[in-house]
Amino acid sequence: MSQQNEPPSDLPTLLLVEDDPLFCQVMGEALTKRGFNVQVASNVDEGIALSEITVPEFAVVDLNMPGRSGLVLVEHFIKVDSPPRIVMLTGFASIATAVEAIKLGAIHYLAKPVDADEVIAAFYREEGDAGVDITTQPFSVNRIEWEHIQKVLNDHKGNITATARALGMHRRTLQRKLQKRPQLR
């Protein structure tokens, strides 16, 4: 579905793929106010369908949605002739998913909460930041567990049953762990 009151077609096109309706509405309106012609989709399949009509110049893709992962959409975009500049958003940041998003072609990976200005800055950021703070505090045990689960989940292409089997845990236990977001440290 596209935003009501379509802006002029000479504005840069942006596809926002997000399953949280409130976040999607707020972010879509903010990006529209900042000069983008925004279309929205609530899942990967809708995002693919919209992009097959017109490939956007920019895309903001949520990682964790019902159905297929946002990584599938990133992979789809990179195969088109003129792929969009993609920013991956997630409420469940992990090193494994960040690495995969960048390897697949996203230009940036942002952890929610995030605002429109941060997204726009990420679209135009061309280089890394060597001055970023490096922490000497090690990850917590919960965070290390989270990272390991994310890596195994990624290795099994998001298949919860196969991941649970590989980790030697019950599927429901894994699902509960995936719903909890660990502290960053």
Protein backbone atom coordinates (compact mmCIF):
# COMPACT_ATOMS: atom_id res chain seq x y z
CA MET A 1 0.00 0.00 0.00
CA SER A 2 1.35 3.41 -0.75
CA GLN A 3 1.00 6.53 1.35
CA GLN A 4 -2.10 8.60 0.71
CA ASN A 5 -1.53 11.99 -0.94
CA GLU A 6 1.18 10.80 -3.31
CA PRO A 7 4.05 13.31 -3.52
CA PRO A 8 5.25 14.44 -6.94
CA SER A 9 6.95 11.68 -8.92
CA ASP A 10 10.23 13.62 -9.19
CA LEU A 11 10.97 12.85 -5.53
CA PRO A 12 13.30 9.92 -4.75
CA THR A 13 11.36 6.69 -4.28
CA LEU A 14 11.61 4.78 -1.01
CA LEU A 15 10.12 1.43 -0.03
CA LEU A 16 9.53 0.97 3.70
CA VAL A 17 9.01 -2.69 4.67
CA GLU A 18 7.93 -2.98 8.30
CA ASP A 19 5.38 -5.17 10.08
CA ASP A 20 4.73 -2.82 13.03
CA PRO A 21 1.84 -0.63 11.78
CA LEU A 22 2.46 2.28 14.18
CA PHE A 23 6.22 2.42 13.56
CA CYS A 24 5.57 2.11 9.82
CA GLN A 25 3.08 4.98 9.84
CA VAL A 26 5.30 7.29 11.89
CA MET A 27 8.45 6.48 9.90
CA GLY A 28 6.60 6.72 6.57
CA GLU A 29 5.21 10.16 7.42
CA ALA A 30 8.60 11.39 8.65
CA LEU A 31 10.36 10.21 5.49
CA THR A 32 7.64 11.76 3.32
CA LYS A 33 8.13 15.10 5.12
CA ARG A 34 11.84 14.82 4.36
CA GLY A 35 11.25 14.62 0.62
CA PHE A 36 10.79 10.94 -0.26
CA ASN A 37 7.98 9.34 -2.27
CA VAL A 38 7.27 6.56 0.25
CA GLN A 39 5.52 3.26 -0.40
CA VAL A 40 5.01 0.81 2.45
CA ALA A 41 4.74 -2.95 2.73
CA SER A 42 4.09 -5.01 5.85
CA ASN A 43 6.08 -8.11 4.85
CA VAL A 44 8.71 -9.42 2.46
CA ASP A 45 6.24 -10.71 -0.13
CA GLU A 46 4.47 -7.34 -0.35
CA GLY A 47 7.87 -5.64 -0.63
CA ILE A 48 8.90 -7.91 -3.50
CA ALA A 49 5.57 -7.34 -5.27
CA LEU A 50 5.90 -3.54 -5.01
CA SER A 51 9.52 -3.60 -6.12
CA GLU A 52 8.61 -5.63 -9.21
CA ILE A 53 6.31 -2.79 -10.29
CA THR A 54 8.94 -0.11 -9.67
CA VAL A 55 12.36 -0.64 -8.12
CA PRO A 56 12.79 2.04 -5.44
CA GLU A 57 15.92 4.16 -5.15
CA PHE A 58 15.99 3.59 -1.39
CA ALA A 59 14.68 0.85 0.89
CA VAL A 60 14.24 0.56 4.65
CA VAL A 61 13.73 -3.08 5.56
CA ASP A 62 12.89 -4.58 8.95
CA LEU A 63 14.86 -7.74 9.66
CA ASN A 64 12.37 -9.71 11.75
CA MET A 65 8.87 -9.93 10.28
CA PRO A 66 6.24 -12.66 10.16
CA GLY A 67 7.03 -15.01 7.32
CA ARG A 68 10.33 -14.54 5.56
CA SER A 69 13.20 -12.51 6.97
CA GLY A 70 14.05 -9.05 5.68
CA LEU A 71 17.37 -10.56 4.55
CA VAL A 72 15.42 -12.30 1.76
CA LEU A 73 14.29 -8.90 0.48
CA VAL A 74 17.84 -7.52 0.60
CA GLU A 75 18.98 -10.51 -1.47
CA HIS A 76 16.10 -9.88 -3.93
CA PHE A 77 16.99 -6.19 -4.32
CA ILE A 78 20.64 -6.82 -5.06
CA LYS A 79 19.71 -8.99 -8.05
CA VAL A 80 17.88 -6.16 -9.88
CA ASP A 81 19.60 -3.93 -12.45
CA SER A 82 19.73 -0.78 -10.32
CA PRO A 83 19.43 -1.94 -6.71
CA PRO A 84 18.24 0.53 -4.09
CA ARG A 85 20.38 1.79 -1.23
CA ILE A 86 19.16 -0.44 1.60
CA VAL A 87 19.13 0.23 5.33
CA MET A 88 18.26 -2.78 7.48
CA LEU A 89 16.39 -2.09 10.74
CA THR A 90 16.00 -4.46 13.65
CA GLY A 91 14.76 -4.54 17.19
CA PHE A 92 16.85 -7.68 17.74
CA ALA A 93 20.35 -6.67 16.69
CA SER A 94 23.03 -9.31 16.53
CA ILE A 95 26.48 -9.45 15.04
CA ALA A 96 25.51 -12.40 12.80
CA THR A 97 22.53 -10.66 11.23
CA ALA A 98 24.42 -7.39 10.82
CA VAL A 99 27.22 -9.17 8.97
CA GLU A 100 24.76 -11.05 6.75
CA ALA A 101 22.78 -7.90 5.92
CA ILE A 102 25.94 -6.11 4.81
CA LYS A 103 27.27 -9.15 2.91
CA LEU A 104 23.94 -9.39 1.06
CA GLY A 105 24.08 -5.73 0.03
CA ALA A 106 22.56 -3.50 2.71
CA ILE A 107 24.57 -0.32 3.10
CA HIS A 108 23.79 0.05 6.79
CA TYR A 109 22.26 -1.81 9.73
CA LEU A 110 20.48 0.16 12.47
CA ALA A 111 19.04 -1.07 15.77
CA LYS A 112 15.62 0.24 16.77
CA PRO A 113 14.57 2.64 18.11
CA VAL A 114 15.66 4.83 15.21
CA ASP A 115 14.37 8.05 13.71
CA ALA A 116 14.05 9.25 10.11
CA ASP A 117 17.13 11.47 10.33
CA GLU A 118 19.29 8.49 11.34
CA VAL A 119 17.90 6.45 8.43
CA ILE A 120 18.58 9.25 5.92
CA ALA A 121 22.10 9.73 7.29
CA ALA A 122 22.70 5.99 6.87
CA PHE A 123 21.59 6.13 3.21
CA TYR A 124 24.31 8.64 2.40
CA ARG A 125 27.08 7.31 4.61
CA GLU A 126 29.76 6.03 2.27
CA GLU A 127 32.56 5.09 4.64
CA GLY A 128 33.05 3.42 7.99
CA ASP A 129 33.98 5.35 11.12
CA ALA A 130 37.44 4.48 12.44
CA GLY A 131 36.75 6.73 15.44
CA VAL A 132 33.88 4.63 16.77
CA ASP A 133 34.22 3.84 20.47
CA ILE A 134 35.60 0.38 21.19
CA THR A 135 34.44 -1.10 24.44
CA THR A 136 36.70 -3.21 26.61
CA GLN A 137 33.79 -4.67 28.56
CA PRO A 138 33.05 -8.25 27.43
CA PHE A 139 29.58 -9.41 26.41
CA SER A 140 27.34 -10.84 29.11
CA VAL A 141 26.62 -14.57 29.12
CA ASN A 142 23.09 -13.81 27.87
CA ARG A 143 24.49 -11.75 25.01
CA ILE A 144 26.98 -14.48 24.04
CA GLU A 145 24.13 -17.01 24.04
CA TRP A 146 22.03 -14.64 21.88
CA GLU A 147 24.86 -14.20 19.37
CA HIS A 148 25.41 -17.97 19.15
CA ILE A 149 21.69 -18.61 18.62
CA GLN A 150 21.60 -15.93 15.91
CA LYS A 151 24.57 -17.50 14.14
CA VAL A 152 23.05 -20.99 14.22
CA LEU A 153 19.67 -19.58 13.13
CA ASN A 154 21.38 -17.83 10.23
CA ASP A 155 23.26 -21.02 9.32
CA HIS A 156 19.87 -22.77 9.11
CA LYS A 157 18.37 -19.95 7.01
CA GLY A 158 15.91 -18.89 9.72
CA ASN A 159 14.43 -22.37 10.23
CA ILE A 160 13.50 -22.50 13.92
CA THR A 161 12.99 -26.27 14.04
CA ALA A 162 16.37 -27.03 12.44
CA THR A 163 18.07 -24.45 14.68
CA ALA A 164 16.51 -25.93 17.83
CA ARG A 165 17.63 -29.39 16.76
CA ALA A 166 21.18 -28.14 16.08
CA LEU A 167 21.31 -26.42 19.48
CA GLY A 168 19.87 -29.46 21.26
CA MET A 169 16.92 -27.57 22.72
CA HIS A 170 13.16 -27.74 22.46
CA ARG A 171 11.62 -25.57 19.72
CA ARG A 172 9.43 -23.66 22.21
CA THR A 173 12.46 -22.93 24.40
CA LEU A 174 14.25 -21.49 21.40
CA GLN A 175 11.21 -19.39 20.48
CA ARG A 176 11.09 -17.95 24.02
CA LYS A 177 14.78 -17.11 23.89
CA LEU A 178 14.33 -15.40 20.51
CA GLN A 179 11.58 -13.20 21.93
CA LYS A 180 13.88 -11.85 24.64
CA ARG A 181 16.35 -9.18 23.69
CA PRO A 182 19.58 -9.42 25.71
CA GLN A 183 21.38 -6.44 27.19
CA LEU A 184 24.14 -5.21 24.87
CA ARG A 185 26.73 -5.82 27.55
